[in-house]
Protein backbone atom coordinates (compact mmCIF):
# COMPACT_ATOMS: atom_id res chain seq x y z
CA THR A 1 -0.01 -0.02 -0.07
CA LEU A 2 1.39 3.35 -1.06
CA MET A 3 0.97 6.04 1.73
CA THR A 4 0.61 9.60 0.18
CA LEU A 5 2.32 12.21 2.38
CA SER A 6 0.99 15.70 2.62
CA PRO A 7 3.38 18.42 1.83
CA ASP A 8 3.48 19.61 5.57
CA LEU A 9 4.58 16.19 6.70
CA LEU A 10 7.13 16.04 3.86
CA ARG A 11 8.41 19.36 5.09
CA LEU A 12 8.65 18.06 8.54
CA LEU A 13 10.39 14.69 7.53
CA HIS A 14 12.55 16.07 4.58
CA GLY A 15 12.91 19.54 4.71
CA THR A 16 10.86 20.36 1.49
CA GLY A 17 7.18 19.91 0.66
CA ALA A 18 7.93 18.52 -2.85
CA PRO A 19 6.88 15.07 -3.55
CA PHE A 20 9.36 12.21 -3.91
CA ALA A 21 11.11 12.12 -7.28
CA ASP A 22 11.25 8.84 -9.14
CA MET A 23 14.60 7.13 -8.73
CA ARG A 24 16.15 4.78 -11.28
CA VAL A 25 17.81 1.62 -10.23
CA LEU A 26 21.49 1.22 -11.69
CA GLN A 27 23.99 -1.55 -11.51
CA ALA A 28 27.64 -1.54 -11.26
CA GLY A 29 28.53 -5.26 -11.25
CA PRO A 30 27.42 -6.31 -7.74
CA VAL A 31 26.61 -2.78 -6.44
CA SER A 32 23.16 -1.71 -6.75
CA LEU A 33 22.33 2.18 -6.41
CA LEU A 34 19.53 4.62 -7.04
CA LEU A 35 19.94 7.68 -9.24
CA ASP A 36 17.96 10.61 -7.87
CA GLY A 37 18.31 13.44 -10.45
CA VAL A 38 22.05 13.39 -10.61
CA ASP A 39 22.71 12.31 -6.92
CA LEU A 40 23.74 8.75 -6.11
CA ARG A 41 21.91 7.15 -3.18
CA TYR A 42 21.97 3.95 -1.30
CA LEU A 43 24.96 2.10 -2.95
CA ARG A 44 24.77 -1.43 -1.67
CA ILE A 45 25.89 -4.95 -2.20
CA GLY A 46 23.02 -7.26 -1.24
CA GLY A 47 21.88 -6.27 2.42
CA THR A 48 25.01 -4.09 3.07
CA GLU A 49 24.83 -0.46 2.49
CA LEU A 50 28.12 1.15 1.44
CA VAL A 51 27.42 4.78 0.62
CA ARG A 52 24.22 6.71 1.50
CA ARG A 53 24.52 9.52 -0.93
CA VAL A 54 27.04 11.24 -3.23
CA TYR A 55 26.20 14.66 -4.36
CA THR A 56 27.76 18.04 -5.04
CA ALA A 57 26.89 21.07 -2.93
CA VAL A 58 27.27 24.51 -3.87
CA ARG A 59 27.04 26.73 -0.66
CA ASP A 60 27.26 30.72 -0.72
CA GLU A 61 28.89 32.58 2.02
CA ASP A 62 25.93 32.41 4.41
CA TRP A 63 25.96 28.48 3.97
CA ASP A 64 22.90 28.58 2.04
CA THR A 65 22.44 25.75 -0.51
CA VAL A 66 22.38 26.97 -4.14
CA PRO A 67 20.19 24.60 -6.14
CA GLY A 68 21.43 23.63 -9.40
CA GLU A 69 19.72 23.32 -12.91
CA VAL A 70 20.57 20.13 -14.83
CA SER A 71 20.92 20.02 -18.57
CA GLY A 72 22.17 17.69 -21.30
CA LEU A 73 21.75 14.55 -19.29
CA THR A 74 22.55 11.25 -20.97
CA LEU A 75 22.47 7.70 -19.44
CA GLU A 76 23.89 4.59 -20.95
CA GLU A 77 23.71 1.09 -19.38
CA ARG A 78 25.80 -1.60 -20.86
CA ASP A 79 28.25 -4.36 -19.83
CA GLY A 80 27.08 -4.59 -16.18
CA GLY A 81 27.46 -0.94 -15.56
CA PHE A 82 26.61 2.45 -16.72
CA ARG A 83 27.90 5.96 -17.77
CA LEU A 84 26.16 9.15 -16.95
CA GLU A 85 26.91 12.57 -18.13
CA PHE A 86 25.38 16.02 -17.39
CA ASP A 87 25.91 19.68 -16.80
CA VAL A 88 24.64 21.79 -13.89
CA ARG A 89 24.46 25.68 -13.48
CA HIS A 90 24.09 27.19 -9.98
CA ALA A 91 22.85 30.89 -10.11
CA ARG A 92 21.76 33.08 -7.30
CA ARG A 93 22.81 36.45 -6.14
CA GLU A 94 26.73 36.47 -6.18
CA ILE A 95 26.73 32.72 -7.15
CA ALA A 96 27.30 31.83 -10.85
CA PHE A 97 28.96 28.41 -11.08
CA THR A 98 28.82 25.69 -13.75
CA TRP A 99 30.14 22.02 -13.77
CA HIS A 100 30.25 19.08 -15.91
CA GLY A 101 29.60 15.61 -14.16
CA THR A 102 30.47 12.19 -15.30
CA VAL A 103 29.65 9.27 -13.45
CA THR A 104 30.53 5.55 -14.24
CA GLY A 105 29.69 2.32 -12.84
CA GLU A 106 31.89 -0.86 -13.80
CA GLU A 107 31.10 -4.43 -13.63
CA SER A 108 33.82 -4.77 -11.08
CA GLY A 109 31.83 -2.73 -8.53
CA ARG A 110 33.85 0.43 -8.81
CA VAL A 111 31.93 3.77 -8.95
CA GLU A 112 33.62 7.02 -10.10
CA PHE A 113 32.08 10.35 -9.70
CA LEU A 114 33.85 13.19 -11.60
CA PHE A 115 33.36 16.98 -11.19
CA ASP A 116 34.88 19.54 -13.39
CA GLY A 117 33.57 23.11 -12.36
CA ARG A 118 34.23 26.69 -13.14
CA ALA A 119 33.09 29.96 -11.66
CA GLU A 120 31.59 32.22 -14.13
CA ARG A 121 32.81 35.25 -12.15
CA GLU A 122 34.57 36.03 -8.94
CA LEU A 123 32.41 35.00 -6.08
CA SER A 124 32.51 34.28 -2.36
CA TYR A 125 31.37 30.75 -1.27
CA ASN A 126 31.71 28.39 1.85
CA ARG A 127 31.61 25.01 0.05
CA ILE A 128 31.68 23.93 -3.50
CA GLY A 129 32.33 20.31 -4.25
CA ILE A 130 31.49 16.56 -4.06
CA CYS A 131 29.89 15.15 -0.66
CA VAL A 132 29.88 11.83 0.55
CA HIS A 133 27.39 10.59 3.12
CA HIS A 134 28.32 7.43 4.94
CA PRO A 135 25.41 5.00 6.13
CA TRP A 136 25.41 5.21 10.00
CA ARG A 137 24.67 1.45 10.67
CA GLU A 138 27.60 0.52 8.87
CA THR A 139 29.86 2.97 9.73
CA ALA A 140 29.23 3.64 13.49
CA GLY A 141 32.30 2.27 15.25
CA ALA A 142 33.72 0.79 11.89
CA PRO A 143 37.65 0.67 11.87
CA PHE A 144 39.25 2.83 9.23
CA THR A 145 42.60 3.52 7.73
CA ALA A 146 43.33 7.06 5.89
CA ARG A 147 46.17 8.07 3.87
CA THR A 148 47.34 11.72 4.70
CA PRO A 149 50.17 13.70 3.48
CA HIS A 150 51.96 13.04 6.97
CA GLY A 151 51.03 9.38 7.31
CA GLU A 152 48.37 6.87 7.60
CA PRO A 153 46.17 7.39 10.79
CA ALA A 154 43.96 4.43 11.80
CA GLY A 155 41.14 4.32 14.31
CA ALA A 156 37.40 3.76 14.36
CA PHE A 157 34.31 5.95 13.57
CA PRO A 158 32.48 7.19 16.59
CA ASP A 159 29.46 5.06 17.74
CA LEU A 160 27.37 8.30 18.06
CA ILE A 161 27.77 11.63 16.19
CA GLY A 162 31.53 12.76 16.59
CA PRO A 163 31.92 15.96 18.63
CA GLN A 164 33.02 18.90 16.85
CA ALA A 165 36.62 19.59 17.75
CA ILE A 166 37.67 23.24 18.01
CA VAL A 167 41.42 23.91 18.08
CA ASP A 168 42.68 27.49 18.58
CA GLY A 169 39.22 28.79 17.67
CA SER A 170 39.05 26.71 14.39
CA TYR A 171 36.85 23.88 13.37
CA ASN A 172 38.64 20.43 12.93
CA ALA A 173 37.60 17.17 11.29
CA LEU A 174 37.49 13.91 13.10
CA PHE A 175 41.14 13.12 11.66
CA ALA A 176 43.37 14.60 9.42
CA ALA A 177 42.33 15.51 5.64
CA TYR A 178 43.23 12.58 3.37
CA ASP A 179 43.10 11.34 -0.33
CA ARG A 180 42.44 7.62 0.53
CA LEU A 181 40.00 6.15 3.09
CA GLU A 182 39.43 2.48 3.78
CA ILE A 183 36.67 1.43 5.90
CA GLU A 184 36.22 -2.29 7.30
CA LEU A 185 32.76 -3.72 6.76
CA ALA A 186 31.24 -5.78 9.66
CA ALA A 187 29.66 -7.93 7.02
CA GLY A 188 33.25 -8.66 5.50
CA GLY A 189 35.63 -7.07 3.39
CA SER A 190 36.34 -3.25 3.14
CA LEU A 191 35.14 -0.30 1.22
CA LEU A 192 37.86 1.90 -0.43
CA PHE A 193 37.47 5.75 -1.34
CA GLU A 194 40.06 7.20 -3.29
CA PHE A 195 39.93 11.11 -4.05
CA GLU A 196 41.83 13.51 -6.49
CA GLY A 197 41.87 17.17 -6.36
CA ASP A 198 41.67 18.74 -2.70
CA LEU A 199 42.15 16.80 0.30
CA TRP A 200 38.90 15.32 2.01
CA GLU A 201 37.66 15.77 5.42
CA THR A 202 35.36 13.76 7.60
């Protein structure tokens, strides 16, 4: 039975009164995921969720999210995988930013999200880039190893929301910025993230 949620309830639960968008199921070998516009959601192998969401955020100097308008979207599914390409433009007040996205899923289970953006003029912002949301059930307390410019810290994710560390008046991440992160999965095996461009923070 499908339940219809009122705009007020949707706003309360999800921050917007807009109805849910139809999401397409894609496969990258053993990995299944949902395509929500140009966001990737619920990447999983069987009953194990690997990644909750991959998306790009453009946030102005007040930390307001500037929505993007998608154009030129093409999707090709083949050989146990897929290839998605699109363009996005974010424009509001002082923000004018465009980017080209390419997302590929391979039969091996590897998923790659590429972001190539440029500012149309000088602008002030607080964040522009790819964001990865980890699933809380699989990530809470999970052991990890990261690769940073100064070594390879290892530890475990907090069981609850990690406290925001403030050092000398500045916000700090849970551990040093990295370009590689490996998370051990309780179901067996590990999940590997590799990043190019800026170092990443958790």
